[in-house]
Protein backbone atom coordinates (compact mmCIF):
# COMPACT_ATOMS: atom_id res chain seq x y z
CA UNK A 1 134.38 99.48 53.60
CA UNK A 2 134.18 102.08 56.37
CA UNK A 3 132.20 105.30 56.60
CA UNK A 4 135.20 107.47 55.71
CA UNK A 5 135.84 105.52 52.48
CA UNK A 6 132.26 105.42 51.19
CA UNK A 7 131.64 107.06 47.79
CA UNK A 8 130.47 110.66 48.11
CA UNK A 9 127.10 109.80 46.52
CA UNK A 10 126.32 107.35 49.34
CA UNK A 11 127.46 109.84 51.98
CA UNK A 12 125.07 112.38 50.44
CA UNK A 13 122.25 109.86 50.88
CA UNK A 14 123.17 109.52 54.55
CA UNK A 15 123.18 113.30 54.96
CA UNK A 16 119.65 113.41 53.50
CA UNK A 17 118.47 111.81 56.77
CA UNK A 18 120.51 113.82 59.30
CA UNK A 19 119.52 117.09 60.96
CA UNK A 20 121.80 120.09 60.66
CA UNK A 21 123.25 119.69 64.17
CA UNK A 22 124.19 116.02 63.63
CA UNK A 23 125.69 116.85 60.24
CA UNK A 24 127.95 119.69 61.26
CA UNK A 25 128.68 119.14 64.96
CA UNK A 26 129.10 115.36 64.83
CA UNK A 27 129.40 113.97 61.30
CA UNK A 28 131.68 116.56 59.71
CA UNK A 29 134.25 116.27 62.52
CA UNK A 30 134.98 112.60 61.93
CA UNK A 31 137.69 113.35 59.37
CA UNK A 32 138.81 115.94 56.83
CA UNK A 33 137.16 114.10 53.92
CA UNK A 34 133.71 114.03 55.58
CA UNK A 35 134.11 117.70 56.46
CA UNK A 36 134.74 118.49 52.80
CA UNK A 37 131.72 116.44 51.72
CA UNK A 38 129.39 118.14 54.21
CA UNK A 39 130.63 121.48 52.97
CA UNK A 40 129.77 120.66 49.34
CA UNK A 41 126.48 118.86 50.09
CA UNK A 42 123.74 120.97 48.49
CA UNK A 43 120.44 119.50 49.72
CA UNK A 44 120.27 120.91 53.25
CA UNK A 45 116.82 121.14 54.85
CA UNK A 46 117.42 123.72 57.55
CA UNK A 47 114.95 123.45 60.43
CA UNK A 48 115.53 126.30 62.90
CA UNK A 49 112.13 126.02 64.58
CA UNK A 50 113.42 124.62 67.88
CA UNK A 51 117.15 125.40 67.85
CA UNK A 52 118.52 127.79 70.54
CA UNK A 53 119.63 131.18 69.27
CA UNK A 54 123.28 130.56 70.10
CA UNK A 55 123.23 127.44 67.94
CA UNK A 56 121.59 129.36 65.10
CA UNK A 57 124.50 131.82 65.27
CA UNK A 58 126.89 128.89 65.02
CA UNK A 59 125.03 127.44 62.03
CA UNK A 60 125.08 130.85 60.31
CA UNK A 61 128.88 130.80 60.50
CA UNK A 62 129.37 127.34 59.02
CA UNK A 63 126.62 126.65 56.49
CA UNK A 64 126.58 128.03 52.97
CA UNK A 65 123.09 129.43 52.17
CA UNK A 66 123.38 128.39 48.51
CA UNK A 67 123.35 124.75 49.69
CA UNK A 68 119.97 125.07 51.46
CA UNK A 69 116.87 123.88 49.59
CA UNK A 70 114.36 123.99 52.48
CA UNK A 71 114.04 126.38 55.42
CA UNK A 72 111.76 126.17 58.46
CA UNK A 73 111.36 129.16 60.79
CA UNK A 74 109.09 129.46 63.81
CA UNK A 75 108.40 132.44 66.03
CA UNK A 76 106.93 130.44 68.91
CA UNK A 77 110.13 129.55 70.75
CA UNK A 78 111.85 132.93 71.02
CA UNK A 79 111.24 136.22 72.76
CA UNK A 80 113.16 137.91 69.95
CA UNK A 81 111.39 137.75 66.62
CA UNK A 82 113.01 134.79 64.94
CA UNK A 83 112.43 136.21 61.47
CA UNK A 84 114.31 139.44 62.19
CA UNK A 85 116.96 137.49 64.10
CA UNK A 86 117.45 135.13 61.15
CA UNK A 87 117.69 137.95 58.62
CA UNK A 88 120.31 139.69 60.76
CA UNK A 89 122.56 136.61 60.55
CA UNK A 90 122.13 135.42 56.97
CA UNK A 91 122.41 137.09 53.61
CA UNK A 92 119.00 136.03 52.36
CA UNK A 93 119.98 136.81 48.76
CA UNK A 94 122.46 133.94 48.96
CA UNK A 95 119.64 131.35 49.29
CA UNK A 96 119.67 130.99 45.53
CA UNK A 97 118.54 127.33 45.56
CA UNK A 98 115.83 127.64 48.22
CA UNK A 99 112.78 125.72 46.97
CA UNK A 100 110.69 125.34 50.13
CA UNK A 101 109.92 127.83 52.92
CA UNK A 102 107.88 127.09 56.05
CA UNK A 103 106.89 129.94 58.39
CA UNK A 104 105.23 128.98 61.67
CA UNK A 105 103.50 131.31 64.14
CA UNK A 106 103.86 134.31 61.85
CA UNK A 107 101.71 137.44 62.05
CA UNK A 108 100.08 139.02 59.01
CA UNK A 109 102.10 142.20 59.43
CA UNK A 110 105.34 140.20 59.26
CA UNK A 111 104.45 138.18 56.16
CA UNK A 112 105.25 140.80 53.54
CA UNK A 113 108.48 141.73 55.30
CA UNK A 114 109.70 138.13 55.49
CA UNK A 115 108.67 137.13 51.98
CA UNK A 116 110.18 140.23 50.41
CA UNK A 117 113.46 139.18 52.00
CA UNK A 118 113.25 135.96 49.97
CA UNK A 119 111.92 137.59 46.81
CA UNK A 120 114.89 136.46 44.72
CA UNK A 121 114.60 132.80 45.81
CA UNK A 122 113.15 130.22 43.39
CA UNK A 123 110.44 129.09 45.81
CA UNK A 124 108.03 126.44 44.61
CA UNK A 125 106.60 125.46 48.01
CA UNK A 126 105.34 127.72 50.81
CA UNK A 127 103.72 126.81 54.13
CA UNK A 128 102.48 129.50 56.55
CA UNK A 129 100.88 129.17 59.97
CA UNK A 130 99.33 132.59 60.59
CA UNK A 131 98.51 133.75 64.12
CA UNK A 132 95.96 136.43 63.33
CA UNK A 133 93.86 134.60 60.73
CA UNK A 134 90.89 136.88 61.48
CA UNK A 135 92.45 139.40 59.09
CA UNK A 136 90.82 137.67 56.14
CA UNK A 137 91.36 140.38 53.54
CA UNK A 138 95.03 140.72 54.42
CA UNK A 139 95.60 136.97 54.23
CA UNK A 140 93.76 136.80 50.90
CA UNK A 141 95.88 139.61 49.47
CA UNK A 142 99.01 137.83 50.67
CA UNK A 143 97.96 134.58 49.00
CA UNK A 144 97.18 136.31 45.71
CA UNK A 145 100.47 138.18 45.51
CA UNK A 146 102.59 135.26 46.72
CA UNK A 147 101.20 132.72 44.27
CA UNK A 148 101.91 135.12 41.41
CA UNK A 149 105.30 136.32 42.66
CA UNK A 150 106.87 132.90 43.21
CA UNK A 151 104.85 130.83 40.73
CA UNK A 152 104.21 128.37 43.55
CA UNK A 153 103.34 124.74 42.95
CA UNK A 154 102.57 123.93 46.59
CA UNK A 155 100.77 126.20 49.09
CA UNK A 156 99.76 125.41 52.68
CA UNK A 157 97.86 128.03 54.71
CA UNK A 158 97.29 126.47 58.12
CA UNK A 159 94.31 127.23 60.35
CA UNK A 160 92.65 129.53 57.83
CA UNK A 161 89.05 128.87 56.80
CA UNK A 162 87.26 130.02 53.64
CA UNK A 163 90.47 130.79 51.82
CA UNK A 164 88.79 130.84 48.41
CA UNK A 165 86.09 133.33 49.39
CA UNK A 166 88.29 136.40 48.87
CA UNK A 167 90.78 134.99 46.38
CA UNK A 168 90.98 135.76 42.68
CA UNK A 169 93.31 133.10 41.40
CA UNK A 170 95.60 134.22 38.54
CA UNK A 171 94.65 133.07 35.05
CA UNK A 172 97.84 131.04 34.86
CA UNK A 173 98.31 129.30 38.21
CA UNK A 174 100.77 126.44 38.61
CA UNK A 175 99.51 125.17 41.96
CA UNK A 176 99.39 121.37 42.08
CA UNK A 177 99.03 121.11 45.90
CA UNK A 178 96.77 123.26 48.10
CA UNK A 179 95.96 122.92 51.80
CA UNK A 180 93.83 125.17 54.04
CA UNK A 181 91.04 124.99 56.64
CA UNK A 182 87.32 124.51 56.06
CA UNK A 183 85.30 125.74 53.11
CA UNK A 184 81.76 125.64 51.83
CA UNK A 185 80.77 123.84 48.64
CA UNK A 186 80.84 126.94 46.45
CA UNK A 187 84.43 127.64 47.52
CA UNK A 188 85.30 124.01 46.87
CA UNK A 189 83.96 124.41 43.33
CA UNK A 190 85.84 127.68 42.87
CA UNK A 191 89.15 126.11 43.88
CA UNK A 192 88.78 123.09 41.58
CA UNK A 193 87.30 125.16 38.77
CA UNK A 194 90.03 127.82 38.78
CA UNK A 195 93.08 125.64 39.51
CA UNK A 196 93.24 123.45 36.45
CA UNK A 197 96.58 121.87 37.42
CA UNK A 198 95.63 121.06 41.01
CA UNK A 199 96.40 117.41 41.83
CA UNK A 200 96.20 117.39 45.64
CA UNK A 201 93.69 119.16 47.88
CA UNK A 202 93.81 119.01 51.69
CA UNK A 203 91.00 120.68 53.68
CA UNK A 204 89.60 120.40 57.20
CA UNK A 205 85.97 120.08 56.11
CA UNK A 206 83.55 121.00 53.34
CA UNK A 207 80.19 122.45 54.37
CA UNK A 208 77.24 121.49 52.20
CA UNK A 209 73.97 123.23 53.03
CA UNK A 210 71.48 122.16 50.36
CA UNK A 211 72.73 119.64 47.84
CA UNK A 212 69.55 119.92 45.76
CA UNK A 213 70.42 123.51 44.84
CA UNK A 214 73.96 122.68 43.69
CA UNK A 215 75.33 122.14 40.22
CA UNK A 216 77.18 118.90 39.55
CA UNK A 217 80.53 119.51 37.82
CA UNK A 218 83.39 117.12 37.06
CA UNK A 219 86.98 117.93 38.07
CA UNK A 220 89.11 115.17 36.55
CA UNK A 221 92.44 116.87 37.34
CA UNK A 222 92.27 116.08 41.09
CA UNK A 223 94.13 112.91 42.07
CA UNK A 224 94.29 113.18 45.86
CA UNK A 225 91.76 114.49 48.39
CA UNK A 226 92.09 114.71 52.17
CA UNK A 227 89.36 115.95 54.53
CA UNK A 228 90.87 115.91 58.01
CA UNK A 229 87.75 116.61 60.09
CA UNK A 230 84.90 115.40 57.92
CA UNK A 231 81.35 116.05 59.16
CA UNK A 232 79.56 115.24 55.92
CA UNK A 233 76.82 112.65 55.59
CA UNK A 234 77.35 109.64 53.37
CA UNK A 235 75.12 111.16 50.68
CA UNK A 236 77.05 114.42 50.71
CA UNK A 237 80.37 112.60 50.54
CA UNK A 238 79.18 110.58 47.55
CA UNK A 239 77.97 113.77 45.88
CA UNK A 240 81.38 115.38 46.44
CA UNK A 241 83.48 112.43 45.34
CA UNK A 242 81.45 111.67 42.22
CA UNK A 243 82.81 114.97 40.85
CA UNK A 244 86.45 113.81 41.09
CA UNK A 245 86.47 110.57 39.09
CA UNK A 246 90.28 110.41 38.74
CA UNK A 247 91.05 110.16 42.47
CA UNK A 248 93.78 107.64 43.29
CA UNK A 249 94.20 108.68 46.94
CA UNK A 250 91.41 109.51 49.41
CA UNK A 251 91.70 110.21 53.14
CA UNK A 252 88.65 111.01 55.29
CA UNK A 253 89.07 111.56 59.02
CA UNK A 254 86.04 111.83 61.30
CA UNK A 255 84.97 111.48 64.93
CA UNK A 256 84.23 107.90 66.04
CA UNK A 257 80.49 108.47 66.45
CA UNK A 258 80.29 110.02 63.00
CA UNK A 259 82.39 107.24 61.54
CA UNK A 260 80.12 104.50 62.90
CA UNK A 261 76.99 106.04 61.38
CA UNK A 262 78.45 107.16 58.05
CA UNK A 263 81.07 104.74 56.81
CA UNK A 264 79.40 101.50 55.77
CA UNK A 265 82.00 99.23 54.19
CA UNK A 266 79.74 97.58 51.62
CA UNK A 267 78.22 100.90 50.49
CA UNK A 268 81.67 102.36 50.06
CA UNK A 269 82.86 99.39 48.03
CA UNK A 270 79.96 99.70 45.60
CA UNK A 271 80.29 103.47 45.31
CA UNK A 272 84.04 103.29 44.60
CA UNK A 273 83.58 100.63 41.92
CA UNK A 274 81.08 102.76 40.06
CA UNK A 275 82.39 106.31 40.56
CA UNK A 276 86.13 106.28 41.36
CA UNK A 277 87.48 103.00 40.10
CA UNK A 278 90.97 104.54 39.84
CA UNK A 279 91.18 104.79 43.66
CA UNK A 280 94.29 102.95 44.87
CA UNK A 281 94.48 104.13 48.49
CA UNK A 282 91.66 104.91 50.94
């Protein structure tokens, strides 16, 4: 059996692993049947973050927006604002199946403009890398309105610390995945206390000042925790993890010198057995 005679379902699986250029410029030109299949394939993940503008124009002429489920835009590679350039080429209202949107190197002032352009899309996942993160109040307002507007289940706000400090999470919030920069312990508690459906939390670090003054609370909904630049002591880590007894995945990244002094294998084994026995991956 050759490529051109494979069942369409198998060809779709192959297309799941090809970028947009390989799909349309190479794959679809093999024969008329493969061209038809690529035209009806409806799981495109369109990454325009490093594609030259001329190629983006070409893609705009051949791809059907209703077949795109994920879109990645980045402003870092172009003198022209990629967001305005993109919106000039595509009818954004036609992205009726768009589930995931990733915006890299975006400014606060552009966020509302870009997201309003996708207001009719059924987004469930949003990732933003904001340039001017010092505008805390503006970022917080954006997060509040966006979570409510799109009923997001996954939110990533890159390079932004203390996200929870200025956020009033909606009473009904469907977030199951949240990622942001560093936070202090009170913010950590706020996030886990307010987001009852949260399953995965990814943060850079959690700052604990005085553990003796803190209230111990259990957050059994959390299943996965990642701290990508952990500077906590072993005692503080144990204090933090004892509050999430249902964890099945834990990832702690630290500097080598911190790792040597903090992460004792035997101590960890005993702690996990007693406090987070459900842990399957560490």
